[in-house]
Amino acid sequence: MGCNIKLPFEQHYNKYLTKAVTFEHFFIRKTLLIKYSYAFIIMPGGFGTMDEFFETLTLIQTKTIAQFPIVIFEKTSMQTLW
């Protein structure tokens, strides 16, 4: 499931998506992502990714949401180990 935002310079959907939704405003996207998610998997991204990640951490810290797992992937080098 992909949640996209309508921007002046459109970003394209990931070709592996089976369902996609486009939002007009960032806050609606962020609210719905948190409300209907059971967990977050954070992949390397930009300012939007960090904004949503810290918003979720704030909601967990203030006990607004509970029992919400977060998995964080880091950027690694693409070397083959032999």
PDB file of N, CA and C in Angstrom:
ATOM      1  N   MET A   1       0.856  -1.168   0.000  1.00  0.00           N
ATOM      2  CA  MET A   1       0.000   0.000   0.000  1.00  0.00           C
ATOM      3  C   MET A   1       0.901   1.230   0.000  1.00  0.00           C
ATOM      4  N   GLY A   2       0.672   2.144  -0.890  1.00  0.00           N
ATOM      5  CA  GLY A   2       1.471   3.359  -0.967  1.00  0.00           C
ATOM      6  C   GLY A   2       0.612   4.591  -0.727  1.00  0.00           C
ATOM      7  N   CYS A   3       1.135   5.517   0.055  1.00  0.00           N
ATOM      8  CA  CYS A   3       0.451   6.780   0.340  1.00  0.00           C
ATOM      9  C   CYS A   3       1.303   7.908  -0.225  1.00  0.00           C
ATOM     10  N   ASN A   4       0.872   8.475  -1.325  1.00  0.00           N
ATOM     11  CA  ASN A   4       1.636   9.497  -2.019  1.00  0.00           C
ATOM     12  C   ASN A   4       1.049  10.874  -1.701  1.00  0.00           C
ATOM     13  N   ILE A   5       1.818  11.910  -1.942  1.00  0.00           N
ATOM     14  CA  ILE A   5       1.367  13.288  -1.740  1.00  0.00           C
ATOM     15  C   ILE A   5       1.448  14.010  -3.074  1.00  0.00           C
ATOM     16  N   LYS A   6       0.456  14.839  -3.349  1.00  0.00           N
ATOM     17  CA  LYS A   6       0.434  15.597  -4.603  1.00  0.00           C
ATOM     18  C   LYS A   6       1.379  16.783  -4.472  1.00  0.00           C
ATOM     19  N   LEU A   7       2.417  16.802  -5.308  1.00  0.00           N
ATOM     20  CA  LEU A   7       3.443  17.838  -5.271  1.00  0.00           C
ATOM     21  C   LEU A   7       3.567  18.489  -6.646  1.00  0.00           C
ATOM     22  N   PRO A   8       4.152  19.712  -6.693  1.00  0.00           N
ATOM     23  CA  PRO A   8       4.352  20.361  -7.995  1.00  0.00           C
ATOM     24  C   PRO A   8       5.193  19.517  -8.951  1.00  0.00           C
ATOM     25  N   PHE A   9       6.222  18.876  -8.430  1.00  0.00           N
ATOM     26  CA  PHE A   9       7.044  17.963  -9.224  1.00  0.00           C
ATOM     27  C   PHE A   9       6.709  16.565  -8.741  1.00  0.00           C
ATOM     28  N   GLU A  10       5.780  15.940  -9.426  1.00  0.00           N
ATOM     29  CA  GLU A  10       5.224  14.670  -8.975  1.00  0.00           C
ATOM     30  C   GLU A  10       6.290  13.596  -8.808  1.00  0.00           C
ATOM     31  N   GLN A  11       6.184  12.865  -7.713  1.00  0.00           N
ATOM     32  CA  GLN A  11       6.985  11.672  -7.563  1.00  0.00           C
ATOM     33  C   GLN A  11       6.127  10.511  -8.036  1.00  0.00           C
ATOM     34  N   HIS A  12       6.754   9.486  -8.554  1.00  0.00           N
ATOM     35  CA  HIS A  12       6.015   8.372  -9.126  1.00  0.00           C
ATOM     36  C   HIS A  12       5.833   7.276  -8.091  1.00  0.00           C
ATOM     37  N   TYR A  13       4.767   6.523  -8.254  1.00  0.00           N
ATOM     38  CA  TYR A  13       4.529   5.387  -7.370  1.00  0.00           C
ATOM     39  C   TYR A  13       5.599   4.330  -7.581  1.00  0.00           C
ATOM     40  N   ASN A  14       5.867   3.577  -6.539  1.00  0.00           N
ATOM     41  CA  ASN A  14       6.761   2.441  -6.622  1.00  0.00           C
ATOM     42  C   ASN A  14       6.105   1.382  -7.506  1.00  0.00           C
ATOM     43  N   LYS A  15       6.840   0.784  -8.410  1.00  0.00           N
ATOM     44  CA  LYS A  15       6.261  -0.182  -9.353  1.00  0.00           C
ATOM     45  C   LYS A  15       5.802  -1.473  -8.675  1.00  0.00           C
ATOM     46  N   TYR A  16       6.170  -1.687  -7.414  1.00  0.00           N
ATOM     47  CA  TYR A  16       5.805  -2.899  -6.705  1.00  0.00           C
ATOM     48  C   TYR A  16       4.513  -2.752  -5.892  1.00  0.00           C
ATOM     49  N   LEU A  17       3.897  -1.583  -5.928  1.00  0.00           N
ATOM     50  CA  LEU A  17       2.665  -1.349  -5.167  1.00  0.00           C
ATOM     51  C   LEU A  17       1.490  -2.094  -5.787  1.00  0.00           C
ATOM     52  N   THR A  18       0.617  -2.571  -4.925  1.00  0.00           N
ATOM     53  CA  THR A  18      -0.634  -3.153  -5.400  1.00  0.00           C
ATOM     54  C   THR A  18      -1.790  -2.171  -5.230  1.00  0.00           C
ATOM     55  N   LYS A  19      -1.689  -1.266  -4.255  1.00  0.00           N
ATOM     56  CA  LYS A  19      -2.697  -0.232  -4.027  1.00  0.00           C
ATOM     57  C   LYS A  19      -1.984   1.081  -3.728  1.00  0.00           C
ATOM     58  N   ALA A  20      -2.565   2.181  -4.164  1.00  0.00           N
ATOM     59  CA  ALA A  20      -1.961   3.493  -3.914  1.00  0.00           C
ATOM     60  C   ALA A  20      -3.045   4.541  -3.716  1.00  0.00           C
ATOM     61  N   VAL A  21      -2.750   5.509  -2.848  1.00  0.00           N
ATOM     62  CA  VAL A  21      -3.656   6.622  -2.570  1.00  0.00           C
ATOM     63  C   VAL A  21      -2.843   7.905  -2.654  1.00  0.00           C
ATOM     64  N   THR A  22      -3.411   8.958  -3.243  1.00  0.00           N
ATOM     65  CA  THR A  22      -2.738  10.251  -3.328  1.00  0.00           C
ATOM     66  C   THR A  22      -3.485  11.253  -2.456  1.00  0.00           C
ATOM     67  N   PHE A  23      -2.741  11.992  -1.635  1.00  0.00           N
ATOM     68  CA  PHE A  23      -3.316  12.991  -0.733  1.00  0.00           C
ATOM     69  C   PHE A  23      -2.957  14.394  -1.198  1.00  0.00           C
ATOM     70  N   GLU A  24      -3.802  15.351  -0.874  1.00  0.00           N
ATOM     71  CA  GLU A  24      -3.564  16.757  -1.210  1.00  0.00           C
ATOM     72  C   GLU A  24      -2.667  17.433  -0.174  1.00  0.00           C
ATOM     73  N   HIS A  25      -2.796  17.041   1.105  1.00  0.00           N
ATOM     74  CA  HIS A  25      -2.098  17.725   2.202  1.00  0.00           C
ATOM     75  C   HIS A  25      -1.262  16.734   3.018  1.00  0.00           C
ATOM     76  N   PHE A  26      -0.118  17.201   3.475  1.00  0.00           N
ATOM     77  CA  PHE A  26       0.786  16.363   4.260  1.00  0.00           C
ATOM     78  C   PHE A  26       0.145  15.877   5.557  1.00  0.00           C
ATOM     79  N   PHE A  27      -0.554  16.763   6.281  1.00  0.00           N
ATOM     80  CA  PHE A  27      -1.072  16.391   7.603  1.00  0.00           C
ATOM     81  C   PHE A  27      -2.123  15.283   7.505  1.00  0.00           C
ATOM     82  N   ILE A  28      -2.909  15.244   6.429  1.00  0.00           N
ATOM     83  CA  ILE A  28      -3.905  14.180   6.265  1.00  0.00           C
ATOM     84  C   ILE A  28      -3.203  12.848   6.040  1.00  0.00           C
ATOM     85  N   ARG A  29      -2.176  12.874   5.206  1.00  0.00           N
ATOM     86  CA  ARG A  29      -1.405  11.660   4.942  1.00  0.00           C
ATOM     87  C   ARG A  29      -0.774  11.126   6.222  1.00  0.00           C
ATOM     88  N   LYS A  30      -0.164  12.018   6.980  1.00  0.00           N
ATOM     89  CA  LYS A  30       0.513  11.618   8.217  1.00  0.00           C
ATOM     90  C   LYS A  30      -0.489  11.063   9.235  1.00  0.00           C
ATOM     91  N   THR A  31      -1.616  11.723   9.382  1.00  0.00           N
ATOM     92  CA  THR A  31      -2.633  11.280  10.332  1.00  0.00           C
ATOM     93  C   THR A  31      -3.167   9.899   9.959  1.00  0.00           C
ATOM     94  N   LEU A  32      -3.494   9.701   8.696  1.00  0.00           N
ATOM     95  CA  LEU A  32      -4.026   8.408   8.273  1.00  0.00           C
ATOM     96  C   LEU A  32      -2.979   7.305   8.331  1.00  0.00           C
ATOM     97  N   LEU A  33      -1.729   7.643   8.028  1.00  0.00           N
ATOM     98  CA  LEU A  33      -0.667   6.640   8.141  1.00  0.00           C
ATOM     99  C   LEU A  33      -0.561   6.116   9.572  1.00  0.00           C
ATOM    100  N   ILE A  34      -0.594   7.011  10.530  1.00  0.00           N
ATOM    101  CA  ILE A  34      -0.457   6.605  11.929  1.00  0.00           C
ATOM    102  C   ILE A  34      -1.725   5.913  12.424  1.00  0.00           C
ATOM    103  N   LYS A  35      -2.886   6.439  12.062  1.00  0.00           N
ATOM    104  CA  LYS A  35      -4.148   5.897  12.564  1.00  0.00           C
ATOM    105  C   LYS A  35      -4.386   4.461  12.118  1.00  0.00           C
ATOM    106  N   TYR A  36      -4.065   4.133  10.870  1.00  0.00           N
ATOM    107  CA  TYR A  36      -4.397   2.819  10.334  1.00  0.00           C
ATOM    108  C   TYR A  36      -3.209   1.868  10.237  1.00  0.00           C
ATOM    109  N   SER A  37      -2.112   2.204  10.875  1.00  0.00           N
ATOM    110  CA  SER A  37      -0.929   1.337  10.839  1.00  0.00           C
ATOM    111  C   SER A  37      -0.822   0.514  12.115  1.00  0.00           C
ATOM    112  N   TYR A  38      -0.260  -0.666  11.966  1.00  0.00           N
ATOM    113  CA  TYR A  38       0.020  -1.523  13.119  1.00  0.00           C
ATOM    114  C   TYR A  38       1.481  -1.433  13.524  1.00  0.00           C
ATOM    115  N   ALA A  39       2.317  -0.942  12.622  1.00  0.00           N
ATOM    116  CA  ALA A  39       3.750  -0.792  12.869  1.00  0.00           C
ATOM    117  C   ALA A  39       4.315   0.088  11.763  1.00  0.00           C
ATOM    118  N   PHE A  40       5.522   0.609  11.988  1.00  0.00           N
ATOM    119  CA  PHE A  40       6.223   1.384  10.960  1.00  0.00           C
ATOM    120  C   PHE A  40       7.540   0.709  10.647  1.00  0.00           C
ATOM    121  N   ILE A  41       7.865   0.670   9.376  1.00  0.00           N
ATOM    122  CA  ILE A  41       9.193   0.262   8.932  1.00  0.00           C
ATOM    123  C   ILE A  41       9.793   1.500   8.292  1.00  0.00           C
ATOM    124  N   ILE A  42      10.851   2.027   8.904  1.00  0.00           N
ATOM    125  CA  ILE A  42      11.486   3.264   8.448  1.00  0.00           C
ATOM    126  C   ILE A  42      12.682   2.905   7.574  1.00  0.00           C
ATOM    127  N   MET A  43      12.632   3.345   6.328  1.00  0.00           N
ATOM    128  CA  MET A  43      13.718   3.127   5.382  1.00  0.00           C
ATOM    129  C   MET A  43      14.443   4.455   5.171  1.00  0.00           C
ATOM    130  N   PRO A  44      15.686   4.424   4.673  1.00  0.00           N
ATOM    131  CA  PRO A  44      16.377   5.686   4.421  1.00  0.00           C
ATOM    132  C   PRO A  44      15.546   6.580   3.493  1.00  0.00           C
ATOM    133  N   GLY A  45      15.385   7.829   3.897  1.00  0.00           N
ATOM    134  CA  GLY A  45      14.567   8.752   3.120  1.00  0.00           C
ATOM    135  C   GLY A  45      14.997  10.179   3.352  1.00  0.00           C
ATOM    136  N   GLY A  46      14.082  11.085   3.150  1.00  0.00           N
ATOM    137  CA  GLY A  46      14.383  12.501   3.263  1.00  0.00           C
ATOM    138  C   GLY A  46      13.723  13.142   4.470  1.00  0.00           C
ATOM    139  N   PHE A  47      13.445  14.433   4.344  1.00  0.00           N
ATOM    140  CA  PHE A  47      12.860  15.189   5.452  1.00  0.00           C
ATOM    141  C   PHE A  47      11.470  14.685   5.806  1.00  0.00           C
ATOM    142  N   GLY A  48      10.673  14.285   4.818  1.00  0.00           N
ATOM    143  CA  GLY A  48       9.328  13.778   5.084  1.00  0.00           C
ATOM    144  C   GLY A  48       9.348  12.509   5.913  1.00  0.00           C
ATOM    145  N   THR A  49      10.282  11.613   5.594  1.00  0.00           N
ATOM    146  CA  THR A  49      10.433  10.377   6.355  1.00  0.00           C
ATOM    147  C   THR A  49      10.794  10.678   7.797  1.00  0.00           C
ATOM    148  N   MET A  50      11.734  11.590   8.005  1.00  0.00           N
ATOM    149  CA  MET A  50      12.139  11.949   9.370  1.00  0.00           C
ATOM    150  C   MET A  50      11.003  12.640  10.120  1.00  0.00           C
ATOM    151  N   ASP A  51      10.245  13.484   9.438  1.00  0.00           N
ATOM    152  CA  ASP A  51       9.105  14.167  10.058  1.00  0.00           C
ATOM    153  C   ASP A  51       8.083  13.159  10.563  1.00  0.00           C
ATOM    154  N   GLU A  52       7.730  12.189   9.733  1.00  0.00           N
ATOM    155  CA  GLU A  52       6.753  11.181  10.136  1.00  0.00           C
ATOM    156  C   GLU A  52       7.305  10.281  11.242  1.00  0.00           C
ATOM    157  N   PHE A  53       8.587   9.962  11.169  1.00  0.00           N
ATOM    158  CA  PHE A  53       9.217   9.142  12.201  1.00  0.00           C
ATOM    159  C   PHE A  53       9.186   9.844  13.558  1.00  0.00           C
ATOM    160  N   PHE A  54       9.598  11.112  13.605  1.00  0.00           N
ATOM    161  CA  PHE A  54       9.620  11.843  14.876  1.00  0.00           C
ATOM    162  C   PHE A  54       8.215  12.147  15.390  1.00  0.00           C
ATOM    163  N   GLU A  55       7.269  12.356  14.495  1.00  0.00           N
ATOM    164  CA  GLU A  55       5.871  12.534  14.916  1.00  0.00           C
ATOM    165  C   GLU A  55       5.376  11.282  15.628  1.00  0.00           C
ATOM    166  N   THR A  56       5.698  10.122  15.062  1.00  0.00           N
ATOM    167  CA  THR A  56       5.293   8.855  15.677  1.00  0.00           C
ATOM    168  C   THR A  56       5.980   8.654  17.022  1.00  0.00           C
ATOM    169  N   LEU A  57       7.268   8.954  17.094  1.00  0.00           N
ATOM    170  CA  LEU A  57       7.977   8.843  18.378  1.00  0.00           C
ATOM    171  C   LEU A  57       7.362   9.758  19.438  1.00  0.00           C
ATOM    172  N   THR A  58       6.970  10.965  19.038  1.00  0.00           N
ATOM    173  CA  THR A  58       6.332  11.895  19.975  1.00  0.00           C
ATOM    174  C   THR A  58       5.011  11.329  20.475  1.00  0.00           C
ATOM    175  N   LEU A  59       4.223  10.744  19.595  1.00  0.00           N
ATOM    176  CA  LEU A  59       2.942  10.154  20.011  1.00  0.00           C
ATOM    177  C   LEU A  59       3.143   8.975  20.958  1.00  0.00           C
ATOM    178  N   ILE A  60       4.193   8.191  20.732  1.00  0.00           N
ATOM    179  CA  ILE A  60       4.504   7.084  21.642  1.00  0.00           C
ATOM    180  C   ILE A  60       4.970   7.622  22.990  1.00  0.00           C
ATOM    181  N   GLN A  61       5.846   8.626  22.971  1.00  0.00           N
ATOM    182  CA  GLN A  61       6.391   9.198  24.204  1.00  0.00           C
ATOM    183  C   GLN A  61       5.302   9.831  25.063  1.00  0.00           C
ATOM    184  N   THR A  62       4.319  10.473  24.444  1.00  0.00           N
ATOM    185  CA  THR A  62       3.236  11.117  25.187  1.00  0.00           C
ATOM    186  C   THR A  62       2.091  10.145  25.491  1.00  0.00           C
ATOM    187  N   LYS A  63       2.293   8.867  25.138  1.00  0.00           N
ATOM    188  CA  LYS A  63       1.327   7.804  25.383  1.00  0.00           C
ATOM    189  C   LYS A  63      -0.010   8.038  24.676  1.00  0.00           C
ATOM    190  N   THR A  64       0.034   8.761  23.558  1.00  0.00           N
ATOM    191  CA  THR A  64      -1.147   8.935  22.729  1.00  0.00           C
ATOM    192  C   THR A  64      -1.430   7.650  21.958  1.00  0.00           C
ATOM    193  N   ILE A  65      -0.377   6.949  21.536  1.00  0.00           N
ATOM    194  CA  ILE A  65      -0.507   5.619  20.959  1.00  0.00           C
ATOM    195  C   ILE A  65       0.402   4.686  21.743  1.00  0.00           C
ATOM    196  N   ALA A  66      -0.008   3.427  21.848  1.00  0.00           N
ATOM    197  CA  ALA A  66       0.782   2.451  22.606  1.00  0.00           C
ATOM    198  C   ALA A  66       0.908   1.167  21.787  1.00  0.00           C
ATOM    199  N   GLN A  67       1.832   0.319  22.170  1.00  0.00           N
ATOM    200  CA  GLN A  67       2.038  -0.953  21.491  1.00  0.00           C
ATOM    201  C   GLN A  67       2.228  -0.757  19.990  1.00  0.00           C
ATOM    202  N   PHE A  68       3.147   0.120  19.635  1.00  0.00           N
ATOM    203  CA  PHE A  68       3.362   0.467  18.230  1.00  0.00           C
ATOM    204  C   PHE A  68       4.819   0.193  17.878  1.00  0.00           C
ATOM    205  N   PRO A  69       5.106  -0.966  17.266  1.00  0.00           N
ATOM    206  CA  PRO A  69       6.492  -1.285  16.931  1.00  0.00           C
ATOM    207  C   PRO A  69       7.027  -0.430  15.781  1.00  0.00           C
ATOM    208  N   ILE A  70       8.311  -0.094  15.870  1.00  0.00           N
ATOM    209  CA  ILE A  70       8.999   0.644  14.823  1.00  0.00           C
ATOM    210  C   ILE A  70      10.279  -0.114  14.485  1.00  0.00           C
ATOM    211  N   VAL A  71      10.466  -0.420  13.204  1.00  0.00           N
ATOM    212  CA  VAL A  71      11.674  -1.080  12.722  1.00  0.00           C
ATOM    213  C   VAL A  71      12.422  -0.065  11.871  1.00  0.00           C
ATOM    214  N   ILE A  72      13.707   0.132  12.162  1.00  0.00           N
ATOM    215  CA  ILE A  72      14.504   1.131  11.452  1.00  0.00           C
ATOM    216  C   ILE A  72      15.608   0.426  10.661  1.00  0.00           C
ATOM    217  N   PHE A  73      15.620   0.649   9.366  1.00  0.00           N
ATOM    218  CA  PHE A  73      16.683   0.142   8.509  1.00  0.00           C
ATOM    219  C   PHE A  73      17.689   1.256   8.272  1.00  0.00           C
ATOM    220  N   GLU A  74      18.960   0.911   8.276  1.00  0.00           N
ATOM    221  CA  GLU A  74      19.976   1.909   8.005  1.00  0.00           C
ATOM    222  C   GLU A  74      20.523   1.723   6.595  1.00  0.00           C
ATOM    223  N   LYS A  75      21.126   2.754   6.091  1.00  0.00           N
ATOM    224  CA  LYS A  75      21.742   2.695   4.771  1.00  0.00           C
ATOM    225  C   LYS A  75      23.075   1.966   4.909  1.00  0.00           C
ATOM    226  N   THR A  76      23.265   0.944   4.106  1.00  0.00           N
ATOM    227  CA  THR A  76      24.501   0.180   4.163  1.00  0.00           C
ATOM    228  C   THR A  76      25.177   0.210   2.809  1.00  0.00           C
ATOM    229  N   SER A  77      26.448  -0.105   2.795  1.00  0.00           N
ATOM    230  CA  SER A  77      27.167  -0.136   1.522  1.00  0.00           C
ATOM    231  C   SER A  77      26.734  -1.369   0.740  1.00  0.00           C
ATOM    232  N   MET A  78      26.879  -1.315  -0.542  1.00  0.00           N
ATOM    233  CA  MET A  78      26.438  -2.392  -1.412  1.00  0.00           C
ATOM    234  C   MET A  78      27.599  -3.322  -1.779  1.00  0.00           C
ATOM    235  N   GLN A  79      28.484  -3.579  -0.847  1.00  0.00           N
ATOM    236  CA  GLN A  79      29.620  -4.447  -1.114  1.00  0.00           C
ATOM    237  C   GLN A  79      29.224  -5.919  -0.948  1.00  0.00           C
ATOM    238  N   THR A  80      29.815  -6.764  -1.754  1.00  0.00           N
ATOM    239  CA  THR A  80      29.621  -8.195  -1.602  1.00  0.00           C
ATOM    240  C   THR A  80      30.712  -8.722  -0.676  1.00  0.00           C
ATOM    241  N   LEU A  81      30.285  -9.429   0.354  1.00  0.00           N
ATOM    242  CA  LEU A  81      31.242  -9.987   1.315  1.00  0.00           C
ATOM    243  C   LEU A  81      31.535 -11.436   0.944  1.00  0.00           C
ATOM    244  N   TRP A  82      32.806 -11.763   0.789  1.00  0.00           N
ATOM    245  CA  TRP A  82      33.219 -13.134   0.447  1.00  0.00           C
ATOM    246  C   TRP A  82      34.014 -13.717   1.549  1.00  0.00           C
TER     247      TRP A  82
END
